[in-house]
Each structure stands twice: as C-alpha cells, then as structure tokens.
C-alpha cells in the first residue's frame, strides 16, 4: 500500500503525492469526490510533468454550497470518469509514494471510501500540512480553533497561492506549503517519513 516502503527513508529520498479533492459536499460518510488534483514531489521538488487532475462523475448530486465553492457543474461531470476508474487511477498514482494533504483527515476519509469500491484500503503513512504547521509553530489553528485555511497559511509562509478551490491548484499550493514547513522543521534534511507521519498524527485535530 502507499508509502510503506518509504517509511524509514529521509523524506527527501521518498516520493510524495500531494492530493486535494473537491466534493459534492462536506458529509464524510455520504458525499463523493467530483475532482482530484495531485502533485508529485521528488527530492523535495514538485515535478510539474507528473501532476494529475481529473473530474469524477458522482452518483450523489452536488450541494449548492459545494457548487458555490468549486463551481463544478453537472454538465462538466456528464462525461467524467466514473468513481471506480478514478479510484484505480489514484491507486496507481500512489503506489510506492507517501500521501500528503492539508487537513489530511478529509482527503483520507473521501479516498478511503472511494477505494472501498474497488476493494482497496488506505493504510500507509500520511503527512498533514495543517498538523505540520502547528508543529512548526506557524499556526495554532484556524480562526475558530479548527484547521488553518490553506490560502492564509501559504501567504504567511510566502508561498504562491495557485487557483483556490481547484483541486490541482490547491494541491500545488499545499506542495509549496509542505516545502516551506519542512525547511523549518528539518533543517538538516534527516527526518524520516515515519517521524513526519508521527508528528502529523500527534498534531492532527482528528
């Protein structure tokens, strides 16, 4: 499964996949993925040529609130890949790589449910940029005590903000945030994937 072989490697020697998803809504038990974006990080650098983006055709209707955020329409999704096809594409993308996401419990929940449809389980190490930001002392949480907003965190770190609420744009922003946070947390470039995953877990709000 994703990332297990990299667990004891210094993070710079591991390949990472920074994932963001847009969904039909915020119900982690019922809503579905409508798009995903992924940025691959190798040797600490974003490999633009390996970035991936796709729409996903859900069964569930998009809520008005979600549509107002990501602006994905029913017409756009009419010919999009079905969930099983998207699940296989993401599984292939994550083979041997470590999953990274902002407030990763959200991506983990949606990806886990997507993979259940093809009989896979998400059980590898996960790096969470929101948790790592708390570990670095950059933030204590969002305005309401929850997760820090991605765009605000990026600006506080002088990281470029790519197209907000577009899955690939947010994945690229998250990848930049990850680079900036790891520059603060691991000045000697010796921290392993295991250490960062443990730190993410300890600092996670979920």
N, C-alpha and C. Protein backbone atom coordinates (compact mmCIF):
# COMPACT_ATOMS: atom_id res chain seq x y z
N UNK A 1 0.84 -1.19 0.00
CA UNK A 1 0.00 0.00 0.00
C UNK A 1 0.88 1.25 0.00
N UNK A 2 0.31 2.43 -0.20
CA UNK A 2 1.11 3.64 -0.40
C UNK A 2 2.09 3.93 0.72
N UNK A 3 3.35 4.12 0.32
CA UNK A 3 4.33 4.69 1.23
C UNK A 3 5.00 3.79 2.23
N UNK A 4 4.57 2.54 2.39
CA UNK A 4 5.17 1.71 3.43
C UNK A 4 6.66 1.49 3.20
N UNK A 5 7.07 1.31 1.95
CA UNK A 5 8.48 1.06 1.67
C UNK A 5 9.35 2.28 1.97
N UNK A 6 8.71 3.46 2.03
CA UNK A 6 9.45 4.69 2.26
C UNK A 6 9.48 5.09 3.71
N UNK A 7 8.88 4.32 4.59
CA UNK A 7 8.64 4.73 5.96
C UNK A 7 9.91 5.16 6.68
N UNK A 8 11.01 4.44 6.48
CA UNK A 8 12.25 4.72 7.20
C UNK A 8 13.24 5.54 6.39
N UNK A 9 12.81 6.03 5.24
CA UNK A 9 13.68 6.87 4.42
C UNK A 9 13.62 8.32 4.89
N UNK A 10 14.74 9.06 4.78
CA UNK A 10 14.63 10.52 4.91
C UNK A 10 13.62 11.01 3.87
N UNK A 11 12.79 11.98 4.24
CA UNK A 11 11.68 12.34 3.36
C UNK A 11 12.14 12.78 1.98
N UNK A 12 13.34 13.36 1.88
CA UNK A 12 13.82 13.79 0.56
C UNK A 12 14.11 12.61 -0.37
N UNK A 13 14.30 11.42 0.19
CA UNK A 13 14.55 10.26 -0.65
C UNK A 13 13.26 9.53 -1.03
N UNK A 14 12.16 9.97 -0.46
CA UNK A 14 10.86 9.36 -0.76
C UNK A 14 10.13 10.18 -1.81
N UNK A 15 9.29 9.50 -2.59
CA UNK A 15 8.40 10.21 -3.50
C UNK A 15 7.08 10.48 -2.77
N UNK A 16 6.60 11.70 -2.88
CA UNK A 16 5.39 12.12 -2.20
C UNK A 16 4.32 12.48 -3.23
N UNK A 17 3.06 12.25 -2.88
CA UNK A 17 1.94 12.70 -3.71
C UNK A 17 1.07 13.62 -2.86
N UNK A 18 1.02 14.88 -3.25
CA UNK A 18 0.21 15.87 -2.55
C UNK A 18 -1.17 15.89 -3.22
N UNK A 19 -2.19 15.54 -2.45
CA UNK A 19 -3.53 15.33 -3.01
C UNK A 19 -4.52 16.36 -2.47
N UNK A 20 -5.40 16.82 -3.37
CA UNK A 20 -6.54 17.63 -2.95
C UNK A 20 -7.76 17.13 -3.70
N UNK A 21 -8.92 17.14 -3.04
CA UNK A 21 -10.16 16.73 -3.70
C UNK A 21 -11.23 17.81 -3.52
N UNK A 22 -12.10 17.91 -4.52
CA UNK A 22 -13.33 18.68 -4.40
C UNK A 22 -14.48 17.68 -4.39
N UNK A 23 -15.56 18.02 -3.70
CA UNK A 23 -16.59 17.02 -3.42
C UNK A 23 -18.00 17.55 -3.63
N UNK A 24 -18.96 16.65 -3.51
CA UNK A 24 -20.37 17.05 -3.62
C UNK A 24 -20.86 17.77 -2.37
N UNK A 25 -20.10 17.69 -1.29
CA UNK A 25 -20.48 18.31 -0.02
C UNK A 25 -19.48 17.93 1.05
N UNK A 26 -19.80 18.21 2.29
CA UNK A 26 -18.86 18.00 3.39
C UNK A 26 -19.21 16.84 4.31
N UNK A 27 -20.19 16.05 3.94
CA UNK A 27 -20.55 14.89 4.74
C UNK A 27 -19.58 13.75 4.39
N UNK A 28 -18.67 13.46 5.32
CA UNK A 28 -17.62 12.47 5.04
C UNK A 28 -18.18 11.07 4.84
N UNK A 29 -19.41 10.82 5.30
CA UNK A 29 -20.00 9.48 5.19
C UNK A 29 -20.80 9.29 3.92
N UNK A 30 -21.26 10.39 3.31
CA UNK A 30 -22.17 10.25 2.17
C UNK A 30 -21.71 10.97 0.91
N UNK A 31 -21.05 12.12 1.05
CA UNK A 31 -20.68 12.88 -0.13
C UNK A 31 -19.55 12.21 -0.90
N UNK A 32 -19.35 12.67 -2.14
CA UNK A 32 -18.43 11.99 -3.06
C UNK A 32 -17.46 12.97 -3.69
N UNK A 33 -16.38 12.44 -4.19
CA UNK A 33 -15.37 13.22 -4.90
C UNK A 33 -15.88 13.59 -6.29
N UNK A 34 -15.72 14.87 -6.67
CA UNK A 34 -16.07 15.29 -8.03
C UNK A 34 -14.83 15.70 -8.83
N UNK A 35 -13.70 15.91 -8.15
CA UNK A 35 -12.44 16.15 -8.86
C UNK A 35 -11.29 15.90 -7.90
N UNK A 36 -10.14 15.58 -8.48
CA UNK A 36 -8.93 15.45 -7.67
C UNK A 36 -7.76 16.06 -8.41
N UNK A 37 -6.83 16.58 -7.65
CA UNK A 37 -5.58 17.08 -8.20
C UNK A 37 -4.44 16.52 -7.39
N UNK A 38 -3.35 16.20 -8.04
CA UNK A 38 -2.21 15.59 -7.36
C UNK A 38 -0.91 16.17 -7.90
N UNK A 39 -0.02 16.52 -6.99
CA UNK A 39 1.32 17.00 -7.35
C UNK A 39 2.34 16.03 -6.79
N UNK A 40 3.21 15.55 -7.64
CA UNK A 40 4.26 14.61 -7.21
C UNK A 40 5.51 15.39 -6.80
N UNK A 41 6.05 15.05 -5.65
CA UNK A 41 7.26 15.70 -5.13
C UNK A 41 8.37 14.67 -5.06
N UNK A 42 9.47 14.95 -5.75
CA UNK A 42 10.63 14.06 -5.77
C UNK A 42 11.87 14.87 -5.37
N UNK A 43 12.65 14.34 -4.44
CA UNK A 43 13.84 15.04 -3.95
C UNK A 43 13.49 16.43 -3.45
N UNK A 44 12.31 16.56 -2.86
CA UNK A 44 11.90 17.84 -2.31
C UNK A 44 11.39 18.84 -3.32
N UNK A 45 11.25 18.44 -4.58
CA UNK A 45 10.84 19.37 -5.63
C UNK A 45 9.57 18.87 -6.31
N UNK A 46 8.71 19.81 -6.69
CA UNK A 46 7.49 19.47 -7.41
C UNK A 46 7.84 19.14 -8.86
N UNK A 47 7.42 17.97 -9.31
CA UNK A 47 7.67 17.56 -10.69
C UNK A 47 6.42 17.89 -11.50
N UNK A 48 6.44 19.03 -12.17
CA UNK A 48 5.25 19.54 -12.84
C UNK A 48 4.72 18.54 -13.88
N UNK A 49 5.61 17.87 -14.57
CA UNK A 49 5.20 16.94 -15.61
C UNK A 49 4.45 15.72 -15.09
N UNK A 50 4.50 15.48 -13.79
CA UNK A 50 3.80 14.33 -13.22
C UNK A 50 2.51 14.73 -12.49
N UNK A 51 2.16 16.00 -12.54
CA UNK A 51 0.91 16.43 -11.91
C UNK A 51 -0.28 15.76 -12.59
N UNK A 52 -1.32 15.52 -11.83
CA UNK A 52 -2.52 14.86 -12.37
C UNK A 52 -3.76 15.60 -11.93
N UNK A 53 -4.75 15.64 -12.82
CA UNK A 53 -6.04 16.25 -12.50
C UNK A 53 -7.13 15.50 -13.25
N UNK A 54 -8.25 15.31 -12.59
CA UNK A 54 -9.39 14.68 -13.26
C UNK A 54 -10.68 15.05 -12.55
N UNK A 55 -11.73 15.18 -13.35
CA UNK A 55 -13.08 15.22 -12.80
C UNK A 55 -13.50 13.79 -12.50
N UNK A 56 -14.50 13.63 -11.64
CA UNK A 56 -15.03 12.31 -11.30
C UNK A 56 -16.55 12.43 -11.27
N UNK A 57 -17.23 11.52 -11.98
CA UNK A 57 -18.69 11.59 -12.05
C UNK A 57 -19.32 10.95 -10.82
N UNK A 58 -19.95 11.73 -9.94
CA UNK A 58 -20.53 11.16 -8.72
C UNK A 58 -21.93 10.63 -8.97
N UNK A 59 -22.40 9.81 -8.04
CA UNK A 59 -23.79 9.37 -8.06
C UNK A 59 -24.65 10.43 -7.35
N UNK A 60 -24.11 10.98 -6.28
CA UNK A 60 -24.82 11.96 -5.46
C UNK A 60 -24.79 13.34 -6.13
N UNK A 61 -25.86 14.10 -5.99
CA UNK A 61 -25.92 15.45 -6.55
C UNK A 61 -24.99 16.39 -5.77
N UNK A 62 -24.46 17.39 -6.45
CA UNK A 62 -23.61 18.39 -5.81
C UNK A 62 -24.50 19.35 -5.02
N UNK A 63 -24.15 19.59 -3.78
CA UNK A 63 -24.92 20.55 -2.98
C UNK A 63 -24.67 21.97 -3.50
N UNK A 64 -25.63 22.84 -3.25
CA UNK A 64 -25.49 24.23 -3.69
C UNK A 64 -24.27 24.88 -3.03
N UNK A 65 -24.04 24.57 -1.77
CA UNK A 65 -22.90 25.15 -1.06
C UNK A 65 -21.58 24.72 -1.69
N UNK A 66 -21.45 23.43 -2.02
CA UNK A 66 -20.22 22.93 -2.63
C UNK A 66 -20.02 23.51 -4.02
N UNK A 67 -21.10 23.58 -4.80
CA UNK A 67 -21.00 24.15 -6.15
C UNK A 67 -20.57 25.61 -6.10
N UNK A 68 -21.01 26.32 -5.06
CA UNK A 68 -20.62 27.71 -4.91
C UNK A 68 -19.15 27.89 -4.59
N UNK A 69 -18.52 26.83 -4.07
CA UNK A 69 -17.09 26.88 -3.74
C UNK A 69 -16.24 26.50 -4.95
N UNK A 70 -16.49 25.32 -5.53
CA UNK A 70 -15.60 24.85 -6.60
C UNK A 70 -16.13 25.11 -8.00
N UNK A 71 -17.40 25.47 -8.13
CA UNK A 71 -18.00 25.87 -9.41
C UNK A 71 -18.00 24.77 -10.47
N UNK A 72 -17.91 23.52 -10.05
CA UNK A 72 -18.00 22.40 -10.99
C UNK A 72 -19.48 22.13 -11.27
N UNK A 73 -19.83 22.01 -12.55
CA UNK A 73 -21.23 21.88 -12.93
C UNK A 73 -21.59 20.45 -13.31
N UNK A 74 -22.88 20.18 -13.30
CA UNK A 74 -23.38 18.86 -13.70
C UNK A 74 -22.97 18.55 -15.14
N UNK A 75 -23.04 19.54 -16.02
CA UNK A 75 -22.67 19.33 -17.42
C UNK A 75 -21.21 18.91 -17.55
N UNK A 76 -20.33 19.52 -16.77
CA UNK A 76 -18.92 19.15 -16.82
C UNK A 76 -18.69 17.71 -16.40
N UNK A 77 -19.51 17.22 -15.49
CA UNK A 77 -19.33 15.88 -14.95
C UNK A 77 -19.99 14.79 -15.79
N UNK A 78 -20.78 15.18 -16.78
CA UNK A 78 -21.57 14.21 -17.55
C UNK A 78 -20.70 13.16 -18.22
N UNK A 79 -19.52 13.55 -18.69
CA UNK A 79 -18.64 12.60 -19.39
C UNK A 79 -17.38 12.30 -18.58
N UNK A 80 -17.37 12.66 -17.31
CA UNK A 80 -16.20 12.43 -16.47
C UNK A 80 -16.06 10.94 -16.15
N UNK A 81 -14.84 10.50 -15.79
CA UNK A 81 -14.65 9.10 -15.38
C UNK A 81 -15.53 8.75 -14.19
N UNK A 82 -15.96 7.50 -14.15
CA UNK A 82 -16.76 7.04 -13.02
C UNK A 82 -15.85 6.81 -11.80
N UNK A 83 -16.43 6.72 -10.60
CA UNK A 83 -15.62 6.58 -9.39
C UNK A 83 -14.62 5.42 -9.41
N UNK A 84 -15.02 4.27 -9.94
CA UNK A 84 -14.11 3.12 -9.96
C UNK A 84 -12.88 3.41 -10.82
N UNK A 85 -13.07 4.10 -11.93
CA UNK A 85 -11.94 4.44 -12.80
C UNK A 85 -11.01 5.43 -12.09
N UNK A 86 -11.61 6.42 -11.43
CA UNK A 86 -10.80 7.39 -10.68
C UNK A 86 -10.07 6.71 -9.52
N UNK A 87 -10.72 5.77 -8.87
CA UNK A 87 -10.10 5.05 -7.76
C UNK A 87 -8.86 4.29 -8.23
N UNK A 88 -8.97 3.64 -9.38
CA UNK A 88 -7.81 2.89 -9.92
C UNK A 88 -6.69 3.83 -10.32
N UNK A 89 -7.04 4.98 -10.91
CA UNK A 89 -6.02 5.95 -11.32
C UNK A 89 -5.26 6.48 -10.10
N UNK A 90 -5.99 6.78 -9.04
CA UNK A 90 -5.34 7.26 -7.83
C UNK A 90 -4.52 6.17 -7.16
N UNK A 91 -5.00 4.95 -7.20
CA UNK A 91 -4.23 3.84 -6.62
C UNK A 91 -2.90 3.68 -7.36
N UNK A 92 -2.94 3.77 -8.68
CA UNK A 92 -1.70 3.67 -9.48
C UNK A 92 -0.76 4.83 -9.14
N UNK A 93 -1.32 6.03 -8.97
CA UNK A 93 -0.52 7.20 -8.69
C UNK A 93 0.18 7.09 -7.34
N UNK A 94 -0.46 6.43 -6.38
CA UNK A 94 0.06 6.36 -5.01
C UNK A 94 0.94 5.14 -4.73
N UNK A 95 1.06 4.24 -5.68
CA UNK A 95 1.91 3.06 -5.45
C UNK A 95 3.34 3.50 -5.12
N UNK A 96 3.82 3.10 -3.96
CA UNK A 96 5.19 3.40 -3.57
C UNK A 96 5.42 4.84 -3.14
N UNK A 97 4.37 5.64 -3.06
CA UNK A 97 4.51 7.05 -2.71
C UNK A 97 3.76 7.37 -1.42
N UNK A 98 4.17 8.45 -0.77
CA UNK A 98 3.59 8.86 0.50
C UNK A 98 2.53 9.93 0.25
N UNK A 99 1.37 9.75 0.85
CA UNK A 99 0.26 10.69 0.68
C UNK A 99 0.47 11.92 1.56
N UNK A 100 0.25 13.10 0.96
CA UNK A 100 0.31 14.37 1.68
C UNK A 100 -0.98 15.12 1.38
N UNK A 101 -1.55 15.78 2.39
CA UNK A 101 -2.74 16.61 2.17
C UNK A 101 -2.83 17.65 3.27
N UNK A 102 -3.62 18.68 3.02
CA UNK A 102 -3.87 19.72 4.02
C UNK A 102 -5.14 19.36 4.77
N UNK A 103 -5.04 19.31 6.12
CA UNK A 103 -6.14 18.76 6.91
C UNK A 103 -6.48 17.38 6.35
N UNK A 104 -5.48 16.51 6.40
CA UNK A 104 -5.50 15.25 5.66
C UNK A 104 -6.63 14.31 6.03
N UNK A 105 -7.24 14.49 7.20
CA UNK A 105 -8.35 13.61 7.59
C UNK A 105 -9.50 13.71 6.60
N UNK A 106 -9.64 14.85 5.93
CA UNK A 106 -10.71 15.00 4.93
C UNK A 106 -10.39 14.15 3.70
N UNK A 107 -9.20 14.33 3.13
CA UNK A 107 -8.81 13.54 1.96
C UNK A 107 -8.79 12.05 2.29
N UNK A 108 -8.32 11.70 3.48
CA UNK A 108 -8.28 10.29 3.85
C UNK A 108 -9.68 9.69 3.88
N UNK A 109 -10.63 10.43 4.41
CA UNK A 109 -12.00 9.91 4.50
C UNK A 109 -12.59 9.68 3.11
N UNK A 110 -12.45 10.66 2.23
CA UNK A 110 -13.03 10.52 0.90
C UNK A 110 -12.29 9.49 0.06
N UNK A 111 -10.96 9.47 0.16
CA UNK A 111 -10.20 8.49 -0.60
C UNK A 111 -10.46 7.08 -0.10
N UNK A 112 -10.56 6.91 1.20
CA UNK A 112 -10.85 5.58 1.76
C UNK A 112 -12.17 5.04 1.24
N UNK A 113 -13.19 5.89 1.21
CA UNK A 113 -14.50 5.44 0.71
C UNK A 113 -14.45 5.16 -0.79
N UNK A 114 -13.70 5.97 -1.53
CA UNK A 114 -13.56 5.73 -2.97
C UNK A 114 -12.89 4.39 -3.22
N UNK A 115 -11.84 4.09 -2.44
CA UNK A 115 -11.11 2.84 -2.64
C UNK A 115 -11.88 1.63 -2.18
N UNK A 116 -12.77 1.80 -1.24
CA UNK A 116 -13.58 0.66 -0.82
C UNK A 116 -14.34 0.07 -2.00
N UNK A 117 -14.70 0.92 -2.94
CA UNK A 117 -15.44 0.46 -4.11
C UNK A 117 -14.65 -0.47 -5.01
N UNK A 118 -13.33 -0.46 -4.91
CA UNK A 118 -12.52 -1.38 -5.72
C UNK A 118 -11.72 -2.34 -4.82
N UNK A 119 -12.13 -2.42 -3.57
CA UNK A 119 -11.53 -3.40 -2.66
C UNK A 119 -10.16 -3.06 -2.12
N UNK A 120 -9.81 -1.76 -2.09
CA UNK A 120 -8.52 -1.35 -1.55
C UNK A 120 -8.70 -0.63 -0.22
N UNK A 121 -7.63 -0.61 0.57
CA UNK A 121 -7.66 0.06 1.86
C UNK A 121 -6.52 1.06 1.93
N UNK A 122 -6.81 2.26 2.41
CA UNK A 122 -5.79 3.28 2.59
C UNK A 122 -5.18 3.11 3.97
N UNK A 123 -3.94 2.65 4.03
CA UNK A 123 -3.35 2.39 5.34
C UNK A 123 -1.87 2.77 5.43
N UNK A 124 -1.39 3.56 4.47
CA UNK A 124 0.01 3.96 4.51
C UNK A 124 0.22 5.22 5.34
N UNK A 125 1.48 5.67 5.47
CA UNK A 125 1.77 6.90 6.21
C UNK A 125 1.20 8.12 5.48
N UNK A 126 0.79 9.12 6.25
CA UNK A 126 0.20 10.33 5.70
C UNK A 126 0.85 11.54 6.36
N UNK A 127 1.23 12.52 5.55
CA UNK A 127 1.76 13.79 6.06
C UNK A 127 0.67 14.85 5.91
N UNK A 128 0.45 15.61 6.98
CA UNK A 128 -0.64 16.59 7.03
C UNK A 128 -0.03 17.98 7.21
N UNK A 129 -0.19 18.85 6.21
CA UNK A 129 0.43 20.18 6.28
C UNK A 129 -0.20 21.05 7.37
N UNK A 130 -1.49 20.85 7.66
CA UNK A 130 -2.10 21.62 8.75
C UNK A 130 -1.47 21.23 10.08
N UNK A 131 -1.29 19.93 10.29
CA UNK A 131 -0.67 19.44 11.52
C UNK A 131 0.80 19.87 11.60
N UNK A 132 1.51 19.79 10.49
CA UNK A 132 2.92 20.19 10.49
C UNK A 132 3.07 21.68 10.74
N UNK A 133 2.09 22.48 10.30
CA UNK A 133 2.13 23.92 10.59
C UNK A 133 2.01 24.17 12.08
N UNK A 134 1.18 23.38 12.76
CA UNK A 134 1.09 23.51 14.21
C UNK A 134 2.40 23.06 14.87
N UNK A 135 2.98 21.99 14.36
CA UNK A 135 4.23 21.50 14.92
C UNK A 135 5.36 22.52 14.76
N UNK A 136 5.33 23.25 13.65
CA UNK A 136 6.37 24.26 13.39
C UNK A 136 6.10 25.56 14.13
N UNK A 137 4.94 25.68 14.78
CA UNK A 137 4.60 26.90 15.49
C UNK A 137 4.14 28.01 14.58
N UNK A 138 3.84 27.68 13.34
CA UNK A 138 3.39 28.69 12.38
C UNK A 138 1.96 29.13 12.70
N UNK A 139 1.12 28.18 13.09
CA UNK A 139 -0.27 28.47 13.45
C UNK A 139 -0.65 27.61 14.66
N UNK A 140 -1.71 28.00 15.30
CA UNK A 140 -2.29 27.19 16.36
C UNK A 140 -3.60 26.57 15.91
N UNK A 141 -4.12 27.03 14.79
CA UNK A 141 -5.40 26.55 14.28
C UNK A 141 -6.05 27.63 13.46
N UNK A 142 -7.26 27.37 12.99
CA UNK A 142 -7.98 28.37 12.22
C UNK A 142 -8.60 29.40 13.14
N UNK A 143 -9.32 30.33 12.54
CA UNK A 143 -9.93 31.40 13.31
C UNK A 143 -10.91 30.86 14.36
N UNK A 144 -11.52 29.73 14.07
CA UNK A 144 -12.48 29.15 15.01
C UNK A 144 -11.85 28.05 15.85
N UNK A 145 -10.52 27.98 15.84
CA UNK A 145 -9.83 26.93 16.58
C UNK A 145 -9.69 25.64 15.80
N UNK A 146 -10.17 25.63 14.54
CA UNK A 146 -10.08 24.45 13.70
C UNK A 146 -8.83 24.47 12.84
N UNK A 147 -8.92 23.87 11.67
CA UNK A 147 -7.77 23.79 10.78
C UNK A 147 -7.45 25.15 10.16
N UNK A 148 -6.16 25.46 9.99
CA UNK A 148 -5.79 26.71 9.33
C UNK A 148 -6.17 26.68 7.86
N UNK A 149 -6.67 27.80 7.36
CA UNK A 149 -7.04 27.89 5.95
C UNK A 149 -5.79 27.78 5.09
N UNK A 150 -5.86 27.01 4.02
CA UNK A 150 -4.69 26.77 3.17
C UNK A 150 -4.13 28.06 2.60
N UNK A 151 -4.99 28.91 2.04
CA UNK A 151 -4.50 30.13 1.40
C UNK A 151 -3.83 31.06 2.41
N UNK A 152 -4.44 31.19 3.58
CA UNK A 152 -3.84 32.04 4.60
C UNK A 152 -2.50 31.50 5.07
N UNK A 153 -2.41 30.20 5.24
CA UNK A 153 -1.15 29.58 5.65
C UNK A 153 -0.08 29.79 4.59
N UNK A 154 -0.45 29.62 3.32
CA UNK A 154 0.52 29.82 2.23
C UNK A 154 1.05 31.25 2.24
N UNK A 155 0.17 32.21 2.40
CA UNK A 155 0.61 33.61 2.39
C UNK A 155 1.51 33.91 3.58
N UNK A 156 1.21 33.31 4.73
CA UNK A 156 2.05 33.55 5.91
C UNK A 156 3.45 32.98 5.73
N UNK A 157 3.57 31.99 4.86
CA UNK A 157 4.86 31.36 4.57
C UNK A 157 5.51 31.90 3.30
N UNK A 158 4.88 32.92 2.68
CA UNK A 158 5.36 33.49 1.41
C UNK A 158 5.41 32.45 0.30
N UNK A 159 4.38 31.60 0.29
CA UNK A 159 4.25 30.57 -0.74
C UNK A 159 3.18 31.01 -1.75
N UNK A 160 3.43 30.84 -3.05
CA UNK A 160 2.42 31.23 -4.04
C UNK A 160 1.11 30.45 -3.86
N UNK A 161 0.00 31.15 -4.01
CA UNK A 161 -1.32 30.52 -3.96
C UNK A 161 -1.79 30.29 -5.39
N UNK A 162 -1.94 29.01 -5.75
CA UNK A 162 -2.45 28.67 -7.07
C UNK A 162 -3.99 28.68 -7.02
N UNK A 163 -4.62 28.49 -8.13
CA UNK A 163 -6.08 28.63 -8.24
C UNK A 163 -6.81 28.02 -7.04
N UNK A 164 -7.38 28.87 -6.15
CA UNK A 164 -8.06 28.33 -4.96
C UNK A 164 -9.31 27.54 -5.32
N UNK A 165 -9.57 26.49 -4.56
CA UNK A 165 -10.76 25.65 -4.72
C UNK A 165 -10.81 24.93 -6.07
N UNK A 166 -9.68 24.86 -6.73
CA UNK A 166 -9.50 23.96 -7.87
C UNK A 166 -8.56 22.88 -7.35
N UNK A 167 -8.91 21.62 -7.56
CA UNK A 167 -8.17 20.54 -6.90
C UNK A 167 -6.68 20.57 -7.21
N UNK A 168 -6.31 20.80 -8.47
CA UNK A 168 -4.88 20.83 -8.79
C UNK A 168 -4.24 22.09 -8.26
N UNK A 169 -4.94 23.23 -8.34
CA UNK A 169 -4.40 24.46 -7.77
C UNK A 169 -4.12 24.32 -6.29
N UNK A 170 -5.06 23.73 -5.57
CA UNK A 170 -4.86 23.54 -4.13
C UNK A 170 -3.77 22.52 -3.83
N UNK A 171 -3.66 21.50 -4.67
CA UNK A 171 -2.58 20.52 -4.48
C UNK A 171 -1.21 21.18 -4.65
N UNK A 172 -1.08 22.05 -5.63
CA UNK A 172 0.19 22.75 -5.85
C UNK A 172 0.49 23.72 -4.71
N UNK A 173 -0.54 24.42 -4.23
CA UNK A 173 -0.35 25.30 -3.08
C UNK A 173 0.10 24.50 -1.87
N UNK A 174 -0.56 23.36 -1.63
CA UNK A 174 -0.21 22.51 -0.50
C UNK A 174 1.22 22.00 -0.62
N UNK A 175 1.64 21.66 -1.83
CA UNK A 175 3.01 21.19 -2.04
C UNK A 175 4.01 22.29 -1.69
N UNK A 176 3.71 23.53 -2.06
CA UNK A 176 4.58 24.64 -1.70
C UNK A 176 4.62 24.87 -0.20
N UNK A 177 3.48 24.75 0.45
CA UNK A 177 3.41 24.88 1.91
C UNK A 177 4.24 23.77 2.56
N UNK A 178 4.12 22.56 2.05
CA UNK A 178 4.91 21.45 2.59
C UNK A 178 6.40 21.75 2.51
N UNK A 179 6.86 22.23 1.37
CA UNK A 179 8.27 22.55 1.21
C UNK A 179 8.72 23.58 2.24
N UNK A 180 7.90 24.61 2.42
CA UNK A 180 8.25 25.68 3.36
C UNK A 180 8.28 25.17 4.80
N UNK A 181 7.31 24.34 5.17
CA UNK A 181 7.26 23.81 6.53
C UNK A 181 8.43 22.87 6.81
N UNK A 182 8.75 22.02 5.84
CA UNK A 182 9.85 21.08 6.05
C UNK A 182 11.19 21.80 6.13
N UNK A 183 11.30 22.94 5.45
CA UNK A 183 12.52 23.74 5.57
C UNK A 183 12.71 24.24 7.00
N UNK A 184 11.59 24.48 7.70
CA UNK A 184 11.67 24.91 9.10
C UNK A 184 11.83 23.74 10.07
N UNK A 185 11.12 22.66 9.81
CA UNK A 185 11.11 21.53 10.74
C UNK A 185 12.34 20.64 10.61
N UNK A 186 12.95 20.63 9.45
CA UNK A 186 14.02 19.66 9.18
C UNK A 186 15.19 20.34 8.48
N UNK A 187 15.85 21.21 9.21
CA UNK A 187 16.94 22.00 8.61
C UNK A 187 18.12 21.12 8.19
N UNK A 188 18.27 19.97 8.81
CA UNK A 188 19.39 19.08 8.46
C UNK A 188 18.99 18.02 7.43
N UNK A 189 17.73 18.03 7.00
CA UNK A 189 17.24 17.08 6.00
C UNK A 189 17.42 15.63 6.41
N UNK A 190 17.18 15.36 7.70
CA UNK A 190 17.39 14.00 8.20
C UNK A 190 16.10 13.33 8.67
N UNK A 191 15.01 14.07 8.78
CA UNK A 191 13.78 13.48 9.29
C UNK A 191 13.23 12.44 8.32
N UNK A 192 12.79 11.34 8.88
CA UNK A 192 12.25 10.27 8.05
C UNK A 192 10.75 10.47 7.82
N UNK A 193 10.23 9.74 6.85
CA UNK A 193 8.80 9.74 6.61
C UNK A 193 8.06 9.31 7.87
N UNK A 194 8.58 8.31 8.57
CA UNK A 194 7.95 7.84 9.80
C UNK A 194 7.85 8.97 10.84
N UNK A 195 8.94 9.72 11.03
CA UNK A 195 8.94 10.80 12.00
C UNK A 195 7.94 11.89 11.64
N UNK A 196 7.86 12.23 10.37
CA UNK A 196 6.93 13.27 9.95
C UNK A 196 5.49 12.78 10.02
N UNK A 197 5.26 11.52 9.70
CA UNK A 197 3.91 10.95 9.81
C UNK A 197 3.47 10.90 11.28
N UNK A 198 4.39 10.54 12.17
CA UNK A 198 4.08 10.52 13.60
C UNK A 198 3.79 11.93 14.10
N UNK A 199 4.59 12.89 13.65
CA UNK A 199 4.37 14.28 14.04
C UNK A 199 3.02 14.77 13.54
N UNK A 200 2.68 14.42 12.31
CA UNK A 200 1.37 14.78 11.75
C UNK A 200 0.25 14.20 12.57
N UNK A 201 0.38 12.95 12.96
CA UNK A 201 -0.67 12.28 13.73
C UNK A 201 -0.83 12.92 15.11
N UNK A 202 0.29 13.26 15.75
CA UNK A 202 0.20 13.85 17.09
C UNK A 202 -0.41 15.25 17.07
N UNK A 203 -0.19 15.97 15.97
CA UNK A 203 -0.68 17.34 15.87
C UNK A 203 -2.03 17.46 15.16
N UNK A 204 -2.56 16.33 14.72
CA UNK A 204 -3.83 16.36 13.98
C UNK A 204 -5.00 16.66 14.92
N UNK A 205 -6.01 17.35 14.37
CA UNK A 205 -7.22 17.64 15.14
C UNK A 205 -8.21 16.48 15.10
N UNK A 206 -7.96 15.49 14.26
CA UNK A 206 -8.91 14.36 14.13
C UNK A 206 -8.22 13.06 14.54
